[in-house]
Amino acid sequence: ADESSGYESESAGGERSAAAEGGTRGRQRRARTAFTSEQVCRLEKTFQRQKYLGASERRKLAAALQLSEMQIKTWFQNRRMKLKRQI
């Protein structure tokens, strides 16, 4: 059974998520990435310097942290939303 990450967007679109859980219709949800403390530390330091990454910066950071570019992109999107909520 998939565990929720706690994001509100996961509960939206009830029919789709119910179909995905059944496994017979729709795509399976990708497993949530468990970032290591070292990865989070490096991501946070980078975020403090710059809120947005260009493609080349994202590629370099992904290679250094052994993550995909999509994981880096998503982490930065989520981190910017967290900052927006805090402000």
Protein backbone atom coordinates (compact mmCIF):
# COMPACT_ATOMS: atom_id res chain seq x y z
CA ALA A 1 0.00 0.00 0.00
CA ASP A 2 1.28 3.45 -0.88
CA GLU A 3 1.85 5.90 1.93
CA SER A 4 0.77 9.50 1.57
CA SER A 5 3.38 12.24 1.64
CA GLY A 6 0.90 14.54 3.37
CA TYR A 7 0.51 16.91 0.43
CA GLU A 8 -3.02 18.15 -0.15
CA SER A 9 -2.72 17.62 -3.90
CA GLU A 10 -2.55 13.86 -3.36
CA SER A 11 -6.07 13.76 -1.96
CA ALA A 12 -7.48 15.76 -4.89
CA GLY A 13 -8.91 13.87 -7.84
CA GLY A 14 -10.43 11.03 -5.81
CA GLU A 15 -11.43 8.82 -8.74
CA ARG A 16 -7.95 8.84 -10.22
CA SER A 17 -6.21 7.97 -6.95
CA ALA A 18 -8.70 5.18 -6.25
CA ALA A 19 -8.05 3.74 -9.71
CA ALA A 20 -4.29 4.00 -9.27
CA GLU A 21 -4.44 2.16 -5.95
CA GLY A 22 -6.32 -0.69 -7.58
CA GLY A 23 -3.49 -1.12 -10.03
CA THR A 24 -5.73 -2.32 -12.85
CA ARG A 25 -6.47 1.15 -14.26
CA GLY A 26 -4.17 4.15 -14.49
CA ARG A 27 -0.51 4.40 -13.59
CA GLN A 28 0.99 3.47 -10.26
CA ARG A 29 2.19 6.38 -8.15
CA ARG A 30 5.98 6.64 -7.96
CA ALA A 31 7.42 5.85 -4.55
CA ARG A 32 8.24 8.88 -2.43
CA THR A 33 11.94 9.75 -2.40
CA ALA A 34 13.61 9.49 1.00
CA PHE A 35 16.35 12.11 0.87
CA THR A 36 19.38 11.56 3.06
CA SER A 37 20.33 14.24 5.58
CA GLU A 38 23.39 15.08 3.46
CA GLN A 39 21.22 15.56 0.38
CA VAL A 40 18.76 17.78 2.25
CA CYS A 41 21.60 19.83 3.73
CA ARG A 42 23.13 20.43 0.29
CA LEU A 43 19.73 21.21 -1.23
CA GLU A 44 18.94 23.71 1.56
CA LYS A 45 22.34 25.43 1.19
CA THR A 46 21.82 25.72 -2.55
CA PHE A 47 18.28 27.04 -1.99
CA GLN A 48 19.58 29.75 0.37
CA ARG A 49 21.90 31.00 -2.39
CA GLN A 50 19.37 30.80 -5.20
CA LYS A 51 15.66 30.02 -5.23
CA TYR A 52 15.63 28.93 -8.88
CA LEU A 53 18.05 26.63 -10.70
CA GLY A 54 18.86 26.69 -14.38
CA ALA A 55 19.11 23.47 -16.37
CA SER A 56 22.90 23.22 -16.12
CA GLU A 57 22.91 23.94 -12.37
CA ARG A 58 20.15 21.37 -11.84
CA ARG A 59 22.11 18.79 -13.87
CA LYS A 60 25.29 19.35 -11.84
CA LEU A 61 23.46 19.19 -8.50
CA ALA A 62 21.59 16.04 -9.54
CA ALA A 63 24.85 14.34 -10.49
CA ALA A 64 26.55 15.42 -7.26
CA LEU A 65 23.67 14.17 -5.08
CA GLN A 66 22.95 11.05 -7.17
CA LEU A 67 19.35 12.15 -7.77
CA SER A 68 17.40 12.69 -10.98
CA GLU A 69 16.93 16.16 -12.40
CA MET A 70 13.18 15.74 -11.89
CA GLN A 71 13.72 15.05 -8.18
CA ILE A 72 15.80 18.22 -7.88
CA LYS A 73 13.24 20.25 -9.79
CA THR A 74 10.38 18.95 -7.67
CA TRP A 75 12.29 19.51 -4.42
CA PHE A 76 12.91 23.16 -5.37
CA GLN A 77 9.25 23.65 -6.36
CA ASN A 78 8.10 22.21 -3.05
CA ARG A 79 10.66 24.24 -1.10
CA ARG A 80 9.54 27.48 -2.76
CA MET A 81 5.93 26.66 -1.84
CA LYS A 82 7.00 25.97 1.75
CA LEU A 83 8.74 29.36 1.87
CA LYS A 84 5.63 31.03 0.43
CA ARG A 85 3.43 29.44 3.12
CA GLN A 86 5.82 30.58 5.86
CA ILE A 87 5.72 34.20 4.65
